[in-house]
Amino acid sequence: MPVSILILTLNEESNIGACLDRLGSFDDVVVLDSGSADRTAEIARARGARVFVRPFDDWSSHQNWALREIPWKHPWVFYLDADEHMTPGLQAEIVGIASDPRRPEVAYYCGRRNFFMGRWIRHAMPPGAIMRFFRPDRLRFERLAHPIPVIDGAHGYLREMFDHYTFSKGMTDWFAKHNGYSHFEAIEGIKLLESKRYTWRSLFVRDRYERRMALKELSFRLPFRPLSKFLWMYVLRRGFLDGRAGFTYCRLQAFYEYMIVVKIDALKRNARGIPT
């Protein structure tokens, strides 16, 4: 199997077994653990994974360390989180790409199916495009949270998707995780707002990942961000078709945006010496 697998973990003993069990055909599975206090590393080693341990600092630094410092068995790497599952169709597609040396692409964006309350949130949270399949020597990441890739070469888009069970550890874990994300997002938001640079043309480029990033940048400049996020997901993306699960998920995402807005305001106040 000409593809290595990278999985990032922190206290994922409830998820890592199911994730690894769907990777039976891959002969190089690497778990980069951030110092779990549970049995994550033990379970991974028992299933044949190579385990590396590194304290987490931020997403791009952590991922860049993995790309540069881990000795990969194969020239192509697919990255998963422990709450994500490989699918047979996706496996066949990436193996086909890695087996074809004539392809000019050095990296591929991949979509994912997000599951909540027992169903795929097909409309409110469509697959999107995330950088997950790449040659590690031709890529690096930037940004503290939800990193963006800097690719040395051509890129493409995979047809197949993986499955994402972001609520697999319960609502308390989801809130804790997004509390951390919102801290980093607030820092990145301050950088964007202070740069005062925004190109509207980026919203209309052909590449769909670039359009998505342009829309994300625009969102930091919009008033009423939490309400805008809810209306975007629930009305414009037709999240109402996802039923009660879609309605709840859209409200959770709006609350996440509210956490970012509050933290941006707090950072601005701190910079001016004003108590929050």
C-alpha atoms as a PDB file:
ATOM      1  CA  MET A   1       0.000   0.000   0.000  1.00  0.00           C
ATOM      2  CA  PRO A   2       1.984   3.094  -1.219  1.00  0.00           C
ATOM      3  CA  VAL A   3       0.446   5.531   1.297  1.00  0.00           C
ATOM      4  CA  SER A   4       1.382   6.327   4.896  1.00  0.00           C
ATOM      5  CA  ILE A   5      -1.317   7.385   7.385  1.00  0.00           C
ATOM      6  CA  LEU A   6      -0.917  10.138   9.981  1.00  0.00           C
ATOM      7  CA  ILE A   7      -3.311  10.385  12.949  1.00  0.00           C
ATOM      8  CA  LEU A   8      -3.120  13.169  15.558  1.00  0.00           C
ATOM      9  CA  THR A   9      -4.380  12.234  19.027  1.00  0.00           C
ATOM     10  CA  LEU A  10      -4.930  13.468  22.569  1.00  0.00           C
ATOM     11  CA  ASN A  11      -6.889  11.230  24.965  1.00  0.00           C
ATOM     12  CA  GLU A  12      -8.633   9.354  22.172  1.00  0.00           C
ATOM     13  CA  GLU A  13      -8.925   5.851  23.659  1.00  0.00           C
ATOM     14  CA  SER A  14     -12.645   5.803  22.840  1.00  0.00           C
ATOM     15  CA  ASN A  15     -12.023   6.625  19.161  1.00  0.00           C
ATOM     16  CA  ILE A  16      -8.595   5.395  18.110  1.00  0.00           C
ATOM     17  CA  GLY A  17      -9.500   1.690  17.879  1.00  0.00           C
ATOM     18  CA  ALA A  18     -12.339   2.225  15.405  1.00  0.00           C
ATOM     19  CA  CYS A  19     -10.209   4.615  13.368  1.00  0.00           C
ATOM     20  CA  LEU A  20      -7.321   2.145  13.127  1.00  0.00           C
ATOM     21  CA  ASP A  21      -9.580  -0.819  12.408  1.00  0.00           C
ATOM     22  CA  ARG A  22     -10.537   0.809   9.109  1.00  0.00           C
ATOM     23  CA  LEU A  23      -6.891   1.055   8.061  1.00  0.00           C
ATOM     24  CA  GLY A  24      -6.112  -2.650   7.940  1.00  0.00           C
ATOM     25  CA  SER A  25      -4.608  -2.563   4.431  1.00  0.00           C
ATOM     26  CA  PHE A  26      -2.125   0.255   5.153  1.00  0.00           C
ATOM     27  CA  ASP A  27       1.328  -0.911   6.253  1.00  0.00           C
ATOM     28  CA  ASP A  28       2.557   2.402   7.689  1.00  0.00           C
ATOM     29  CA  VAL A  29       0.252   4.026  10.244  1.00  0.00           C
ATOM     30  CA  VAL A  30       1.729   6.769  12.428  1.00  0.00           C
ATOM     31  CA  VAL A  31       0.067   8.201  15.530  1.00  0.00           C
ATOM     32  CA  LEU A  32       1.377  11.573  16.714  1.00  0.00           C
ATOM     33  CA  ASP A  33       0.152  11.852  20.296  1.00  0.00           C
ATOM     34  CA  SER A  34       0.170  15.038  22.369  1.00  0.00           C
ATOM     35  CA  GLY A  35       0.775  13.266  25.694  1.00  0.00           C
ATOM     36  CA  SER A  36      -2.461  11.400  26.326  1.00  0.00           C
ATOM     37  CA  ALA A  37      -3.282  10.467  29.920  1.00  0.00           C
ATOM     38  CA  ASP A  38      -5.396   7.488  28.804  1.00  0.00           C
ATOM     39  CA  ARG A  39      -4.702   4.317  26.788  1.00  0.00           C
ATOM     40  CA  THR A  40      -4.523   5.971  23.352  1.00  0.00           C
ATOM     41  CA  ALA A  41      -0.851   5.164  22.729  1.00  0.00           C
ATOM     42  CA  GLU A  42      -1.196   1.635  24.139  1.00  0.00           C
ATOM     43  CA  ILE A  43      -4.141   0.840  21.862  1.00  0.00           C
ATOM     44  CA  ALA A  44      -2.347   2.301  18.835  1.00  0.00           C
ATOM     45  CA  ARG A  45       0.807   0.256  19.423  1.00  0.00           C
ATOM     46  CA  ALA A  46      -1.230  -2.906  19.975  1.00  0.00           C
ATOM     47  CA  ARG A  47      -2.759  -2.426  16.516  1.00  0.00           C
ATOM     48  CA  GLY A  48       0.639  -1.998  14.876  1.00  0.00           C
ATOM     49  CA  ALA A  49       0.890   1.786  14.638  1.00  0.00           C
ATOM     50  CA  ARG A  50       4.126   3.687  15.128  1.00  0.00           C
ATOM     51  CA  VAL A  51       3.614   6.175  17.979  1.00  0.00           C
ATOM     52  CA  PHE A  52       5.438   9.480  18.389  1.00  0.00           C
ATOM     53  CA  VAL A  53       4.810  11.858  21.288  1.00  0.00           C
ATOM     54  CA  ARG A  54       5.115  15.643  21.092  1.00  0.00           C
ATOM     55  CA  PRO A  55       3.524  18.315  23.327  1.00  0.00           C
ATOM     56  CA  PHE A  56       0.901  20.286  21.400  1.00  0.00           C
ATOM     57  CA  ASP A  57       1.592  23.993  20.838  1.00  0.00           C
ATOM     58  CA  ASP A  58      -0.592  25.001  17.894  1.00  0.00           C
ATOM     59  CA  TRP A  59      -2.021  23.227  14.878  1.00  0.00           C
ATOM     60  CA  SER A  60       0.324  24.383  12.136  1.00  0.00           C
ATOM     61  CA  SER A  61       3.491  23.897  14.228  1.00  0.00           C
ATOM     62  CA  HIS A  62       2.323  20.433  15.283  1.00  0.00           C
ATOM     63  CA  GLN A  63       1.472  19.342  11.752  1.00  0.00           C
ATOM     64  CA  ASN A  64       4.651  20.836  10.262  1.00  0.00           C
ATOM     65  CA  TRP A  65       6.734  18.967  12.833  1.00  0.00           C
ATOM     66  CA  ALA A  66       5.066  15.727  11.749  1.00  0.00           C
ATOM     67  CA  LEU A  67       5.768  16.364   8.068  1.00  0.00           C
ATOM     68  CA  ARG A  68       9.432  17.199   8.653  1.00  0.00           C
ATOM     69  CA  GLU A  69      10.519  15.009  11.558  1.00  0.00           C
ATOM     70  CA  ILE A  70       8.692  11.704  11.125  1.00  0.00           C
ATOM     71  CA  PRO A  71      10.488   9.237   8.827  1.00  0.00           C
ATOM     72  CA  TRP A  72       7.736   8.271   6.391  1.00  0.00           C
ATOM     73  CA  LYS A  73       7.817   4.854   4.750  1.00  0.00           C
ATOM     74  CA  HIS A  74       5.979   6.109   1.648  1.00  0.00           C
ATOM     75  CA  PRO A  75       6.155   9.355  -0.356  1.00  0.00           C
ATOM     76  CA  TRP A  76       2.414  10.045   0.084  1.00  0.00           C
ATOM     77  CA  VAL A  77       0.644  10.702   3.409  1.00  0.00           C
ATOM     78  CA  PHE A  78      -3.057  10.828   4.257  1.00  0.00           C
ATOM     79  CA  TYR A  79      -3.929  12.623   7.488  1.00  0.00           C
ATOM     80  CA  LEU A  80      -6.855  11.672   9.758  1.00  0.00           C
ATOM     81  CA  ASP A  81      -8.083  12.657  13.209  1.00  0.00           C
ATOM     82  CA  ALA A  82      -9.027   9.863  15.604  1.00  0.00           C
ATOM     83  CA  ASP A  83     -12.753  10.611  15.207  1.00  0.00           C
ATOM     84  CA  GLU A  84     -12.543  10.188  11.423  1.00  0.00           C
ATOM     85  CA  HIS A  85     -12.896   6.980   9.408  1.00  0.00           C
ATOM     86  CA  MET A  86     -11.343   5.955   6.115  1.00  0.00           C
ATOM     87  CA  THR A  87     -13.810   4.555   3.553  1.00  0.00           C
ATOM     88  CA  PRO A  88     -13.162   1.840   0.936  1.00  0.00           C
ATOM     89  CA  GLY A  89     -13.826   4.239  -1.941  1.00  0.00           C
ATOM     90  CA  LEU A  90     -11.401   6.837  -0.587  1.00  0.00           C
ATOM     91  CA  GLN A  91      -8.760   4.194   0.024  1.00  0.00           C
ATOM     92  CA  ALA A  92      -8.995   2.978  -3.565  1.00  0.00           C
ATOM     93  CA  GLU A  93      -8.762   6.535  -4.923  1.00  0.00           C
ATOM     94  CA  ILE A  94      -5.680   7.609  -2.950  1.00  0.00           C
ATOM     95  CA  VAL A  95      -3.865   4.331  -3.633  1.00  0.00           C
ATOM     96  CA  GLY A  96      -4.527   4.811  -7.345  1.00  0.00           C
ATOM     97  CA  ILE A  97      -3.098   8.327  -7.237  1.00  0.00           C
ATOM     98  CA  ALA A  98      -0.021   7.320  -5.232  1.00  0.00           C
ATOM     99  CA  SER A  99       0.649   4.456  -7.664  1.00  0.00           C
ATOM    100  CA  ASP A 100       0.723   6.773 -10.691  1.00  0.00           C
ATOM    101  CA  PRO A 101       4.068   8.649 -10.924  1.00  0.00           C
ATOM    102  CA  ARG A 102       2.880  10.606 -13.979  1.00  0.00           C
ATOM    103  CA  ARG A 103       0.440  12.756 -12.019  1.00  0.00           C
ATOM    104  CA  PRO A 104       1.617  16.378 -11.644  1.00  0.00           C
ATOM    105  CA  GLU A 105      -0.283  17.021  -8.389  1.00  0.00           C
ATOM    106  CA  VAL A 106       1.632  16.923  -5.109  1.00  0.00           C
ATOM    107  CA  ALA A 107      -1.374  17.480  -2.810  1.00  0.00           C
ATOM    108  CA  TYR A 108      -5.137  16.894  -2.785  1.00  0.00           C
ATOM    109  CA  TYR A 109      -8.034  18.414  -0.893  1.00  0.00           C
ATOM    110  CA  CYS A 110     -10.614  15.989   0.462  1.00  0.00           C
ATOM    111  CA  GLY A 111     -14.235  16.304   1.566  1.00  0.00           C
ATOM    112  CA  ARG A 112     -15.809  14.790   4.665  1.00  0.00           C
ATOM    113  CA  ARG A 113     -19.235  13.673   5.807  1.00  0.00           C
ATOM    114  CA  ASN A 114     -20.021  15.198   9.212  1.00  0.00           C
ATOM    115  CA  PHE A 115     -22.313  13.118  11.437  1.00  0.00           C
ATOM    116  CA  PHE A 116     -24.413  14.436  14.327  1.00  0.00           C
ATOM    117  CA  MET A 117     -27.352  12.945  16.235  1.00  0.00           C
ATOM    118  CA  GLY A 118     -27.121   9.782  14.147  1.00  0.00           C
ATOM    119  CA  ARG A 119     -27.290  11.380  10.701  1.00  0.00           C
ATOM    120  CA  TRP A 120     -25.096  12.972   8.067  1.00  0.00           C
ATOM    121  CA  ILE A 121     -25.428  16.756   8.214  1.00  0.00           C
ATOM    122  CA  ARG A 122     -25.553  16.898   4.440  1.00  0.00           C
ATOM    123  CA  HIS A 123     -26.846  20.448   3.930  1.00  0.00           C
ATOM    124  CA  ALA A 124     -25.859  22.572   6.924  1.00  0.00           C
ATOM    125  CA  MET A 125     -22.292  21.233   6.811  1.00  0.00           C
ATOM    126  CA  PRO A 126     -21.532  20.071   3.260  1.00  0.00           C
ATOM    127  CA  PRO A 127     -18.254  18.256   2.562  1.00  0.00           C
ATOM    128  CA  GLY A 128     -16.092  21.313   1.808  1.00  0.00           C
ATOM    129  CA  ALA A 129     -12.399  20.869   1.038  1.00  0.00           C
ATOM    130  CA  ILE A 130      -9.641  20.090   3.536  1.00  0.00           C
ATOM    131  CA  MET A 131      -5.976  19.382   2.806  1.00  0.00           C
ATOM    132  CA  ARG A 132      -5.508  15.741   3.781  1.00  0.00           C
ATOM    133  CA  PHE A 133      -3.522  13.901   1.075  1.00  0.00           C
ATOM    134  CA  PHE A 134      -0.061  15.127   0.149  1.00  0.00           C
ATOM    135  CA  ARG A 135       3.617  14.561  -0.370  1.00  0.00           C
ATOM    136  CA  PRO A 136       5.049  15.774   2.965  1.00  0.00           C
ATOM    137  CA  ASP A 137       8.164  17.246   1.368  1.00  0.00           C
ATOM    138  CA  ARG A 138       6.044  19.558  -0.810  1.00  0.00           C
ATOM    139  CA  LEU A 139       3.763  21.055   1.815  1.00  0.00           C
ATOM    140  CA  ARG A 140       3.690  23.162   4.969  1.00  0.00           C
ATOM    141  CA  PHE A 141       0.882  24.638   7.057  1.00  0.00           C
ATOM    142  CA  GLU A 142       0.221  28.149   8.317  1.00  0.00           C
ATOM    143  CA  ARG A 143      -2.270  29.507  10.881  1.00  0.00           C
ATOM    144  CA  LEU A 144      -2.702  28.575  14.555  1.00  0.00           C
ATOM    145  CA  ALA A 145      -6.059  26.801  14.152  1.00  0.00           C
ATOM    146  CA  HIS A 146      -7.711  25.244  11.095  1.00  0.00           C
ATOM    147  CA  PRO A 147      -4.373  25.552   9.258  1.00  0.00           C
ATOM    148  CA  ILE A 148      -4.138  26.525   5.621  1.00  0.00           C
ATOM    149  CA  PRO A 149      -1.674  24.697   3.357  1.00  0.00           C
ATOM    150  CA  VAL A 150       1.165  26.247   1.396  1.00  0.00           C
ATOM    151  CA  ILE A 151       1.756  23.869  -1.505  1.00  0.00           C
ATOM    152  CA  ASP A 152       4.939  23.606  -3.539  1.00  0.00           C
ATOM    153  CA  GLY A 153       3.355  22.408  -6.777  1.00  0.00           C
ATOM    154  CA  ALA A 154       0.004  21.587  -8.343  1.00  0.00           C
ATOM    155  CA  HIS A 155      -2.967  20.401  -6.306  1.00  0.00           C
ATOM    156  CA  GLY A 156      -6.214  18.544  -6.993  1.00  0.00           C
ATOM    157  CA  TYR A 157      -9.490  17.459  -5.375  1.00  0.00           C
ATOM    158  CA  LEU A 158     -10.461  13.922  -4.391  1.00  0.00           C
ATOM    159  CA  ARG A 159     -13.886  12.607  -5.411  1.00  0.00           C
ATOM    160  CA  GLU A 160     -14.321  10.341  -2.370  1.00  0.00           C
ATOM    161  CA  MET A 161     -14.770  11.463   1.251  1.00  0.00           C
ATOM    162  CA  PHE A 162     -14.040  10.253   4.774  1.00  0.00           C
ATOM    163  CA  ASP A 163     -16.545  10.106   7.645  1.00  0.00           C
ATOM    164  CA  HIS A 164     -16.263  12.488  10.605  1.00  0.00           C
ATOM    165  CA  TYR A 165     -17.854  11.806  14.024  1.00  0.00           C
ATOM    166  CA  THR A 166     -16.993  15.072  15.741  1.00  0.00           C
ATOM    167  CA  PHE A 167     -19.406  14.466  18.654  1.00  0.00           C
ATOM    168  CA  SER A 168     -18.202  10.919  19.357  1.00  0.00           C
ATOM    169  CA  LYS A 169     -16.824  11.932  22.800  1.00  0.00           C
ATOM    170  CA  GLY A 170     -19.943  13.848  23.812  1.00  0.00           C
ATOM    171  CA  MET A 171     -21.057  17.456  23.996  1.00  0.00           C
ATOM    172  CA  THR A 172     -18.733  18.381  26.869  1.00  0.00           C
ATOM    173  CA  ASP A 173     -15.714  17.421  24.784  1.00  0.00           C
ATOM    174  CA  TRP A 174     -17.067  19.346  21.773  1.00  0.00           C
ATOM    175  CA  PHE A 175     -17.429  22.528  23.823  1.00  0.00           C
ATOM    176  CA  ALA A 176     -13.972  22.116  25.363  1.00  0.00           C
ATOM    177  CA  LYS A 177     -12.386  21.526  21.956  1.00  0.00           C
ATOM    178  CA  HIS A 178     -14.091  24.521  20.376  1.00  0.00           C
ATOM    179  CA  ASN A 179     -13.185  26.683  23.337  1.00  0.00           C
ATOM    180  CA  GLY A 180      -9.569  25.988  22.370  1.00  0.00           C
ATOM    181  CA  TYR A 181     -10.223  26.531  18.676  1.00  0.00           C
ATOM    182  CA  SER A 182     -11.914  29.869  19.358  1.00  0.00           C
ATOM    183  CA  HIS A 183      -8.839  31.127  21.233  1.00  0.00           C
ATOM    184  CA  PHE A 184      -6.598  30.525  18.231  1.00  0.00           C
ATOM    185  CA  GLU A 185      -9.247  31.794  15.806  1.00  0.00           C
ATOM    186  CA  ALA A 186      -9.495  35.049  17.784  1.00  0.00           C
ATOM    187  CA  ILE A 187      -5.735  35.560  17.484  1.00  0.00           C
ATOM    188  CA  GLU A 188      -5.882  34.919  13.731  1.00  0.00           C
ATOM    189  CA  GLY A 189      -8.921  37.213  13.462  1.00  0.00           C
ATOM    190  CA  ILE A 190      -6.995  40.072  15.067  1.00  0.00           C
ATOM    191  CA  LYS A 191      -4.199  39.571  12.534  1.00  0.00           C
ATOM    192  CA  LEU A 192      -6.670  39.729   9.643  1.00  0.00           C
ATOM    193  CA  LEU A 193      -8.457  42.814  10.936  1.00  0.00           C
ATOM    194  CA  GLU A 194      -5.195  44.651  11.565  1.00  0.00           C
ATOM    195  CA  SER A 195      -3.858  43.831   8.097  1.00  0.00           C
ATOM    196  CA  LYS A 196      -6.718  45.812   6.495  1.00  0.00           C
ATOM    197  CA  ARG A 197      -6.167  43.812   3.312  1.00  0.00           C
ATOM    198  CA  TYR A 198      -8.999  42.092   1.549  1.00  0.00           C
ATOM    199  CA  THR A 199      -9.477  41.298  -2.123  1.00  0.00           C
ATOM    200  CA  TRP A 200     -13.094  40.839  -3.187  1.00  0.00           C
ATOM    201  CA  ARG A 201     -11.921  39.162  -6.379  1.00  0.00           C
ATOM    202  CA  SER A 202     -10.875  36.139  -4.327  1.00  0.00           C
ATOM    203  CA  LEU A 203     -14.565  35.310  -3.843  1.00  0.00           C
ATOM    204  CA  PHE A 204     -14.893  34.626  -7.563  1.00  0.00           C
ATOM    205  CA  VAL A 205     -11.755  32.601  -8.384  1.00  0.00           C
ATOM    206  CA  ARG A 206     -12.185  29.159  -9.919  1.00  0.00           C
ATOM    207  CA  ASP A 207     -10.430  27.213  -7.153  1.00  0.00           C
ATOM    208  CA  ARG A 208     -13.035  26.303  -4.533  1.00  0.00           C
ATOM    209  CA  TYR A 209     -10.591  26.190  -1.615  1.00  0.00           C
ATOM    210  CA  GLU A 210      -9.429  29.734  -2.355  1.00  0.00           C
ATOM    211  CA  ARG A 211     -13.077  30.855  -2.475  1.00  0.00           C
ATOM    212  CA  ARG A 212     -13.702  29.213   0.874  1.00  0.00           C
ATOM    213  CA  MET A 213     -10.723  30.988   2.475  1.00  0.00           C
ATOM    214  CA  ALA A 214     -11.813  34.310   0.985  1.00  0.00           C
ATOM    215  CA  LEU A 215     -15.265  33.831   2.478  1.00  0.00           C
ATOM    216  CA  LYS A 216     -13.731  33.004   5.858  1.00  0.00           C
ATOM    217  CA  GLU A 217     -11.667  36.202   5.754  1.00  0.00           C
ATOM    218  CA  LEU A 218     -14.760  38.184   4.833  1.00  0.00           C
ATOM    219  CA  SER A 219     -16.639  36.728   7.803  1.00  0.00           C
ATOM    220  CA  PHE A 220     -14.228  38.406  10.230  1.00  0.00           C
ATOM    221  CA  ARG A 221     -15.284  41.775   8.802  1.00  0.00           C
ATOM    222  CA  LEU A 222     -19.033  41.218   8.962  1.00  0.00           C
ATOM    223  CA  PRO A 223     -21.286  42.555  11.741  1.00  0.00           C
ATOM    224  CA  PHE A 224     -23.486  40.116  13.669  1.00  0.00           C
ATOM    225  CA  ARG A 225     -21.180  37.199  12.842  1.00  0.00           C
ATOM    226  CA  PRO A 226     -23.013  34.560  14.925  1.00  0.00           C
ATOM    227  CA  LEU A 227     -26.385  35.411  13.356  1.00  0.00           C
ATOM    228  CA  SER A 228     -24.820  35.592   9.895  1.00  0.00           C
ATOM    229  CA  LYS A 229     -23.283  32.140  10.389  1.00  0.00           C
ATOM    230  CA  PHE A 230     -26.619  30.673  11.461  1.00  0.00           C
ATOM    231  CA  LEU A 231     -28.517  32.176   8.526  1.00  0.00           C
ATOM    232  CA  TRP A 232     -25.794  31.094   6.104  1.00  0.00           C
ATOM    233  CA  MET A 233     -25.919  27.482   7.284  1.00  0.00           C
ATOM    234  CA  TYR A 234     -29.596  27.071   8.115  1.00  0.00           C
ATOM    235  CA  VAL A 235     -31.227  29.143   5.360  1.00  0.00           C
ATOM    236  CA  LEU A 236     -28.818  29.622   2.451  1.00  0.00           C
ATOM    237  CA  ARG A 237     -27.282  26.156   2.735  1.00  0.00           C
ATOM    238  CA  ARG A 238     -30.722  24.683   3.533  1.00  0.00           C
ATOM    239  CA  GLY A 239     -29.716  23.239   6.881  1.00  0.00           C
ATOM    240  CA  PHE A 240     -33.418  23.015   7.678  1.00  0.00           C
ATOM    241  CA  LEU A 241     -33.485  19.930   5.439  1.00  0.00           C
ATOM    242  CA  ASP A 242     -31.283  18.177   8.003  1.00  0.00           C
ATOM    243  CA  GLY A 243     -34.151  18.245  10.503  1.00  0.00           C
ATOM    244  CA  ARG A 244     -33.674  18.698  14.233  1.00  0.00           C
ATOM    245  CA  ALA A 245     -30.029  17.648  13.972  1.00  0.00           C
ATOM    246  CA  GLY A 246     -29.397  20.387  11.410  1.00  0.00           C
ATOM    247  CA  PHE A 247     -31.135  23.045  13.508  1.00  0.00           C
ATOM    248  CA  THR A 248     -29.125  22.102  16.600  1.00  0.00           C
ATOM    249  CA  TYR A 249     -25.870  21.933  14.666  1.00  0.00           C
ATOM    250  CA  CYS A 250     -26.397  25.374  13.124  1.00  0.00           C
ATOM    251  CA  ARG A 251     -27.033  26.860  16.569  1.00  0.00           C
ATOM    252  CA  LEU A 252     -23.862  25.252  17.911  1.00  0.00           C
ATOM    253  CA  GLN A 253     -21.834  26.722  15.059  1.00  0.00           C
ATOM    254  CA  ALA A 254     -23.370  30.158  15.707  1.00  0.00           C
ATOM    255  CA  PHE A 255     -22.367  29.857  19.369  1.00  0.00           C
ATOM    256  CA  TYR A 256     -18.824  28.945  18.296  1.00  0.00           C
ATOM    257  CA  GLU A 257     -18.703  32.138  16.224  1.00  0.00           C
ATOM    258  CA  TYR A 258     -19.947  34.061  19.272  1.00  0.00           C
ATOM    259  CA  MET A 259     -17.040  32.696  21.340  1.00  0.00           C
ATOM    260  CA  ILE A 260     -14.622  33.959  18.690  1.00  0.00           C
ATOM    261  CA  VAL A 261     -16.255  37.412  18.621  1.00  0.00           C
ATOM    262  CA  VAL A 262     -16.104  37.710  22.419  1.00  0.00           C
ATOM    263  CA  LYS A 263     -12.458  36.651  22.508  1.00  0.00           C
ATOM    264  CA  ILE A 264     -11.489  39.079  19.742  1.00  0.00           C
ATOM    265  CA  ASP A 265     -13.110  41.871  21.762  1.00  0.00           C
ATOM    266  CA  ALA A 266     -11.227  40.726  24.880  1.00  0.00           C
ATOM    267  CA  LEU A 267      -7.891  40.697  23.025  1.00  0.00           C
ATOM    268  CA  LYS A 268      -8.515  44.218  21.715  1.00  0.00           C
ATOM    269  CA  ARG A 269      -9.328  45.434  25.225  1.00  0.00           C
ATOM    270  CA  ASN A 270      -6.247  43.789  26.666  1.00  0.00           C
ATOM    271  CA  ALA A 271      -4.083  45.425  24.000  1.00  0.00           C
ATOM    272  CA  ARG A 272      -5.432  48.836  25.091  1.00  0.00           C
ATOM    273  CA  GLY A 273      -4.995  48.035  28.761  1.00  0.00           C
ATOM    274  CA  ILE A 274      -8.752  47.891  29.383  1.00  0.00           C
ATOM    275  CA  PRO A 275     -10.052  45.139  31.714  1.00  0.00           C
ATOM    276  CA  THR A 276     -12.269  42.573  29.993  1.00  0.00           C
END
